[in-house]
Amino acid sequence: MGLRVEDRLDGQTNYSIWKERMQSIFEEAEVRDMMVHTTQNPVVVPTDATQLVEYNKKNNKGKRLILDGIKNHCIPNVRGKAMPMRCGQHCPISTRVPMRTGRWS
C-alpha cells in the first residue's frame, strides 16, 4: 500500500490523479470514511473512550498515508493545517484529516 515516489503529490500539476489514487488507498486501508467527507457527511469525533481509541488509530493511519503520499517539499505546507491535503494555495481538496484539536500535531 502506498504510492511510488513519482506518483506522490508534487503540487498542482499532478493533483487530480494523486487525489484519485489516495482515495483508493484510503479504501484499501479502511480509513476512507474518515478521510473523505463533505459538509453533508462530516466526521464526528466519538466521546466514548473505546470508540475514541479506534478513531485515533484510524486518524493516525490516514495521516501517515497522506504524509507518505506527498513529496517532501509539500510537507511544510500541510504541517499545522486543519486541511493537510492542501499542498499550496491552488490545491484544495474535499478531504481532510480531522484531529481532535482541528490541527495537526
N, C-alpha and C. Protein backbone atom coordinates (compact mmCIF):
# COMPACT_ATOMS: atom_id res chain seq x y z
N MET A 1 0.85 -1.16 0.00
CA MET A 1 0.00 0.00 0.00
C MET A 1 0.90 1.23 0.00
N GLY A 2 0.52 2.22 -0.77
CA GLY A 2 1.30 3.44 -0.84
C GLY A 2 1.55 3.84 -2.28
N LEU A 3 2.19 4.96 -2.44
CA LEU A 3 2.46 5.49 -3.77
C LEU A 3 3.94 5.40 -4.10
N ARG A 4 4.21 5.20 -5.38
CA ARG A 4 5.58 5.28 -5.84
C ARG A 4 6.02 6.73 -5.72
N VAL A 5 7.29 6.96 -5.59
CA VAL A 5 7.81 8.33 -5.44
C VAL A 5 7.31 9.23 -6.57
N GLU A 6 7.32 8.73 -7.79
CA GLU A 6 6.91 9.55 -8.92
C GLU A 6 5.41 9.86 -8.93
N ASP A 7 4.61 9.13 -8.13
CA ASP A 7 3.17 9.36 -8.07
C ASP A 7 2.75 10.25 -6.90
N ARG A 8 3.68 10.62 -6.05
CA ARG A 8 3.35 11.46 -4.90
C ARG A 8 2.97 12.87 -5.34
N LEU A 9 2.16 13.52 -4.51
CA LEU A 9 1.74 14.88 -4.81
C LEU A 9 2.95 15.79 -4.89
N ASP A 10 3.03 16.50 -6.01
CA ASP A 10 4.16 17.40 -6.25
C ASP A 10 3.67 18.83 -6.40
N GLY A 11 2.39 19.05 -6.21
CA GLY A 11 1.81 20.37 -6.39
C GLY A 11 0.59 20.29 -7.28
N GLN A 12 0.26 21.36 -7.91
CA GLN A 12 -0.95 21.46 -8.71
C GLN A 12 -0.92 20.56 -9.95
N THR A 13 0.24 20.30 -10.52
CA THR A 13 0.31 19.60 -11.81
C THR A 13 -0.20 18.16 -11.75
N ASN A 14 -0.03 17.46 -10.64
CA ASN A 14 -0.48 16.06 -10.58
C ASN A 14 -1.57 15.85 -9.53
N TYR A 15 -2.22 16.92 -9.13
CA TYR A 15 -3.19 16.86 -8.04
C TYR A 15 -4.38 15.93 -8.33
N SER A 16 -5.03 16.06 -9.48
CA SER A 16 -6.23 15.28 -9.78
C SER A 16 -5.96 13.79 -9.75
N ILE A 17 -4.89 13.37 -10.37
CA ILE A 17 -4.54 11.94 -10.39
C ILE A 17 -4.16 11.47 -8.99
N TRP A 18 -3.39 12.28 -8.28
CA TRP A 18 -3.00 11.94 -6.92
C TRP A 18 -4.22 11.75 -6.02
N LYS A 19 -5.19 12.64 -6.14
CA LYS A 19 -6.41 12.56 -5.32
C LYS A 19 -7.12 11.23 -5.54
N GLU A 20 -7.26 10.81 -6.79
CA GLU A 20 -7.92 9.53 -7.09
C GLU A 20 -7.14 8.36 -6.48
N ARG A 21 -5.83 8.39 -6.63
CA ARG A 21 -5.01 7.32 -6.06
C ARG A 21 -5.13 7.27 -4.53
N MET A 22 -5.12 8.44 -3.89
CA MET A 22 -5.22 8.48 -2.43
C MET A 22 -6.56 7.96 -1.95
N GLN A 23 -7.63 8.27 -2.65
CA GLN A 23 -8.94 7.77 -2.25
C GLN A 23 -8.99 6.25 -2.32
N SER A 24 -8.34 5.68 -3.32
CA SER A 24 -8.26 4.22 -3.44
C SER A 24 -7.44 3.64 -2.28
N ILE A 25 -6.35 4.29 -1.94
CA ILE A 25 -5.51 3.83 -0.82
C ILE A 25 -6.29 3.93 0.48
N PHE A 26 -7.07 4.99 0.66
CA PHE A 26 -7.88 5.13 1.87
C PHE A 26 -8.89 3.99 1.98
N GLU A 27 -9.50 3.61 0.85
CA GLU A 27 -10.46 2.49 0.85
C GLU A 27 -9.76 1.19 1.26
N GLU A 28 -8.61 0.93 0.68
CA GLU A 28 -7.86 -0.29 0.99
C GLU A 28 -7.46 -0.34 2.46
N ALA A 29 -7.11 0.81 3.03
CA ALA A 29 -6.68 0.88 4.43
C ALA A 29 -7.86 0.99 5.40
N GLU A 30 -9.06 1.03 4.84
CA GLU A 30 -10.29 1.13 5.62
C GLU A 30 -10.35 2.40 6.48
N VAL A 31 -9.88 3.51 5.90
CA VAL A 31 -9.96 4.80 6.57
C VAL A 31 -10.69 5.84 5.70
N ARG A 32 -11.24 5.41 4.59
CA ARG A 32 -11.89 6.35 3.67
C ARG A 32 -13.02 7.11 4.35
N ASP A 33 -13.78 6.45 5.21
CA ASP A 33 -14.90 7.10 5.89
C ASP A 33 -14.45 8.30 6.72
N MET A 34 -13.23 8.27 7.22
CA MET A 34 -12.70 9.39 7.99
C MET A 34 -12.00 10.42 7.13
N MET A 35 -11.43 9.99 6.03
CA MET A 35 -10.57 10.86 5.24
C MET A 35 -11.31 11.61 4.14
N VAL A 36 -12.36 11.02 3.61
CA VAL A 36 -13.09 11.63 2.50
C VAL A 36 -14.49 11.95 2.99
N HIS A 37 -14.76 13.21 3.17
CA HIS A 37 -16.08 13.62 3.64
C HIS A 37 -16.39 15.02 3.18
N THR A 38 -17.63 15.38 3.37
CA THR A 38 -18.10 16.70 2.96
C THR A 38 -18.87 17.32 4.11
N THR A 39 -19.39 18.50 3.91
CA THR A 39 -20.20 19.11 4.96
C THR A 39 -21.49 18.33 5.19
N GLN A 40 -21.96 17.60 4.17
CA GLN A 40 -23.15 16.76 4.33
C GLN A 40 -22.83 15.45 5.05
N ASN A 41 -21.57 15.06 5.06
CA ASN A 41 -21.14 13.81 5.68
C ASN A 41 -19.92 14.08 6.55
N PRO A 42 -20.09 14.84 7.64
CA PRO A 42 -18.93 15.20 8.47
C PRO A 42 -18.45 14.04 9.33
N VAL A 43 -17.20 14.10 9.71
CA VAL A 43 -16.64 13.13 10.64
C VAL A 43 -16.97 13.62 12.05
N VAL A 44 -17.51 12.71 12.85
CA VAL A 44 -17.85 13.05 14.23
C VAL A 44 -16.86 12.36 15.16
N VAL A 45 -16.22 13.14 16.00
CA VAL A 45 -15.27 12.59 16.97
C VAL A 45 -16.07 11.95 18.10
N PRO A 46 -15.86 10.65 18.35
CA PRO A 46 -16.62 9.98 19.39
C PRO A 46 -16.25 10.47 20.80
N THR A 47 -17.19 10.36 21.70
CA THR A 47 -16.93 10.73 23.09
C THR A 47 -16.67 9.51 23.95
N ASP A 48 -17.13 8.34 23.51
CA ASP A 48 -16.88 7.09 24.23
C ASP A 48 -15.39 6.75 24.15
N ALA A 49 -14.80 6.39 25.28
CA ALA A 49 -13.35 6.13 25.35
C ALA A 49 -12.91 5.02 24.41
N THR A 50 -13.66 3.94 24.33
CA THR A 50 -13.29 2.81 23.47
C THR A 50 -13.36 3.21 22.01
N GLN A 51 -14.41 3.92 21.63
CA GLN A 51 -14.56 4.36 20.25
C GLN A 51 -13.50 5.41 19.90
N LEU A 52 -13.14 6.22 20.87
CA LEU A 52 -12.13 7.25 20.63
C LEU A 52 -10.76 6.63 20.34
N VAL A 53 -10.44 5.53 21.00
CA VAL A 53 -9.18 4.83 20.74
C VAL A 53 -9.14 4.36 19.28
N GLU A 54 -10.23 3.75 18.82
CA GLU A 54 -10.31 3.28 17.43
C GLU A 54 -10.25 4.45 16.45
N TYR A 55 -10.95 5.52 16.78
CA TYR A 55 -10.95 6.73 15.95
C TYR A 55 -9.52 7.26 15.80
N ASN A 56 -8.80 7.35 16.91
CA ASN A 56 -7.43 7.88 16.86
C ASN A 56 -6.50 6.97 16.06
N LYS A 57 -6.69 5.65 16.14
CA LYS A 57 -5.89 4.73 15.34
C LYS A 57 -6.11 4.97 13.85
N LYS A 58 -7.38 5.07 13.46
CA LYS A 58 -7.70 5.31 12.04
C LYS A 58 -7.21 6.67 11.59
N ASN A 59 -7.34 7.66 12.45
CA ASN A 59 -6.90 9.02 12.11
C ASN A 59 -5.39 9.06 11.90
N ASN A 60 -4.65 8.41 12.79
CA ASN A 60 -3.19 8.37 12.66
C ASN A 60 -2.76 7.61 11.41
N LYS A 61 -3.49 6.54 11.09
CA LYS A 61 -3.18 5.77 9.89
C LYS A 61 -3.40 6.64 8.64
N GLY A 62 -4.50 7.36 8.61
CA GLY A 62 -4.78 8.25 7.49
C GLY A 62 -3.75 9.35 7.36
N LYS A 63 -3.34 9.91 8.48
CA LYS A 63 -2.33 10.97 8.49
C LYS A 63 -1.01 10.45 7.91
N ARG A 64 -0.63 9.24 8.30
CA ARG A 64 0.60 8.66 7.77
C ARG A 64 0.50 8.41 6.28
N LEU A 65 -0.68 7.95 5.82
CA LEU A 65 -0.86 7.72 4.38
C LEU A 65 -0.72 9.01 3.59
N ILE A 66 -1.25 10.09 4.14
CA ILE A 66 -1.13 11.38 3.45
C ILE A 66 0.33 11.81 3.40
N LEU A 67 1.02 11.72 4.53
CA LEU A 67 2.43 12.13 4.55
C LEU A 67 3.27 11.27 3.62
N ASP A 68 2.94 9.99 3.51
CA ASP A 68 3.65 9.10 2.59
C ASP A 68 3.30 9.40 1.13
N GLY A 69 2.16 10.09 0.91
CA GLY A 69 1.70 10.34 -0.44
C GLY A 69 2.07 11.70 -1.01
N ILE A 70 2.82 12.49 -0.27
CA ILE A 70 3.22 13.79 -0.79
C ILE A 70 4.75 13.88 -0.79
N LYS A 71 5.25 14.67 -1.69
CA LYS A 71 6.71 14.85 -1.76
C LYS A 71 7.16 15.75 -0.62
N ASN A 72 8.41 15.60 -0.26
CA ASN A 72 8.96 16.30 0.91
C ASN A 72 8.75 17.80 0.90
N HIS A 73 8.86 18.42 -0.26
CA HIS A 73 8.73 19.88 -0.29
C HIS A 73 7.30 20.34 0.01
N CYS A 74 6.31 19.45 -0.03
CA CYS A 74 4.92 19.80 0.29
C CYS A 74 4.63 19.68 1.79
N ILE A 75 5.43 18.93 2.52
CA ILE A 75 5.16 18.70 3.94
C ILE A 75 5.06 20.00 4.74
N PRO A 76 5.93 20.98 4.56
CA PRO A 76 5.76 22.23 5.32
C PRO A 76 4.42 22.92 5.05
N ASN A 77 3.84 22.69 3.87
CA ASN A 77 2.56 23.30 3.53
C ASN A 77 1.38 22.66 4.24
N VAL A 78 1.53 21.45 4.75
CA VAL A 78 0.43 20.79 5.45
C VAL A 78 0.63 20.75 6.96
N ARG A 79 1.83 21.01 7.42
CA ARG A 79 2.11 20.99 8.85
C ARG A 79 1.29 22.05 9.55
N GLY A 80 0.54 21.64 10.59
CA GLY A 80 -0.25 22.58 11.38
C GLY A 80 -1.55 23.01 10.74
N LYS A 81 -1.93 22.41 9.63
CA LYS A 81 -3.16 22.79 8.94
C LYS A 81 -4.31 21.88 9.32
N ALA A 82 -5.50 22.43 9.38
CA ALA A 82 -6.70 21.63 9.60
C ALA A 82 -7.02 20.81 8.35
N MET A 83 -6.58 21.28 7.18
CA MET A 83 -6.79 20.56 5.93
C MET A 83 -5.44 20.17 5.35
N PRO A 84 -4.82 19.10 5.84
CA PRO A 84 -3.46 18.77 5.45
C PRO A 84 -3.30 18.29 4.02
N MET A 85 -4.38 17.99 3.31
CA MET A 85 -4.22 17.53 1.94
C MET A 85 -4.12 18.70 0.98
N ARG A 86 -3.93 19.89 1.48
CA ARG A 86 -3.76 21.07 0.64
C ARG A 86 -2.25 21.30 0.49
N CYS A 87 -1.76 21.21 -0.71
CA CYS A 87 -0.34 21.46 -0.97
C CYS A 87 -0.25 22.72 -1.80
N GLY A 88 -0.09 23.82 -1.14
CA GLY A 88 -0.10 25.09 -1.84
C GLY A 88 -1.51 25.63 -1.94
N GLN A 89 -1.65 26.89 -2.20
CA GLN A 89 -2.96 27.52 -2.17
C GLN A 89 -3.85 27.13 -3.34
N HIS A 90 -3.32 26.50 -4.38
CA HIS A 90 -4.12 26.16 -5.54
C HIS A 90 -4.50 24.68 -5.58
N CYS A 91 -4.36 23.96 -4.46
CA CYS A 91 -4.66 22.54 -4.45
C CYS A 91 -5.72 22.21 -3.39
N PRO A 92 -6.92 22.76 -3.47
CA PRO A 92 -7.93 22.42 -2.47
C PRO A 92 -8.42 21.00 -2.68
N ILE A 93 -8.84 20.37 -1.64
CA ILE A 93 -9.38 19.02 -1.70
C ILE A 93 -10.50 18.91 -0.68
N SER A 94 -11.48 18.08 -0.96
CA SER A 94 -12.62 17.97 -0.06
C SER A 94 -12.36 16.99 1.07
N THR A 95 -11.18 16.42 1.12
CA THR A 95 -10.86 15.50 2.21
C THR A 95 -9.93 16.19 3.17
N ARG A 96 -9.92 15.73 4.39
CA ARG A 96 -9.02 16.30 5.39
C ARG A 96 -8.79 15.28 6.48
N VAL A 97 -7.81 15.49 7.29
CA VAL A 97 -7.54 14.64 8.42
C VAL A 97 -8.07 15.36 9.65
N PRO A 98 -9.17 14.91 10.20
CA PRO A 98 -9.74 15.63 11.35
C PRO A 98 -9.08 15.19 12.64
N MET A 99 -8.30 16.04 13.20
CA MET A 99 -7.70 15.77 14.50
C MET A 99 -8.65 16.30 15.57
N ARG A 100 -8.56 15.78 16.78
CA ARG A 100 -9.44 16.25 17.85
C ARG A 100 -9.28 17.75 18.06
N THR A 101 -8.09 18.26 17.89
CA THR A 101 -7.86 19.68 18.09
C THR A 101 -8.14 20.49 16.84
N GLY A 102 -8.41 19.81 15.73
CA GLY A 102 -8.61 20.51 14.48
C GLY A 102 -7.30 20.89 13.81
N ARG A 103 -6.19 20.47 14.37
CA ARG A 103 -4.86 20.80 13.82
C ARG A 103 -4.00 19.56 13.83
N TRP A 104 -3.01 19.56 12.97
CA TRP A 104 -2.01 18.50 13.00
C TRP A 104 -1.08 18.80 14.14
N SER A 105 -0.66 17.76 14.82
CA SER A 105 0.31 17.99 15.91
C SER A 105 1.69 17.63 15.46
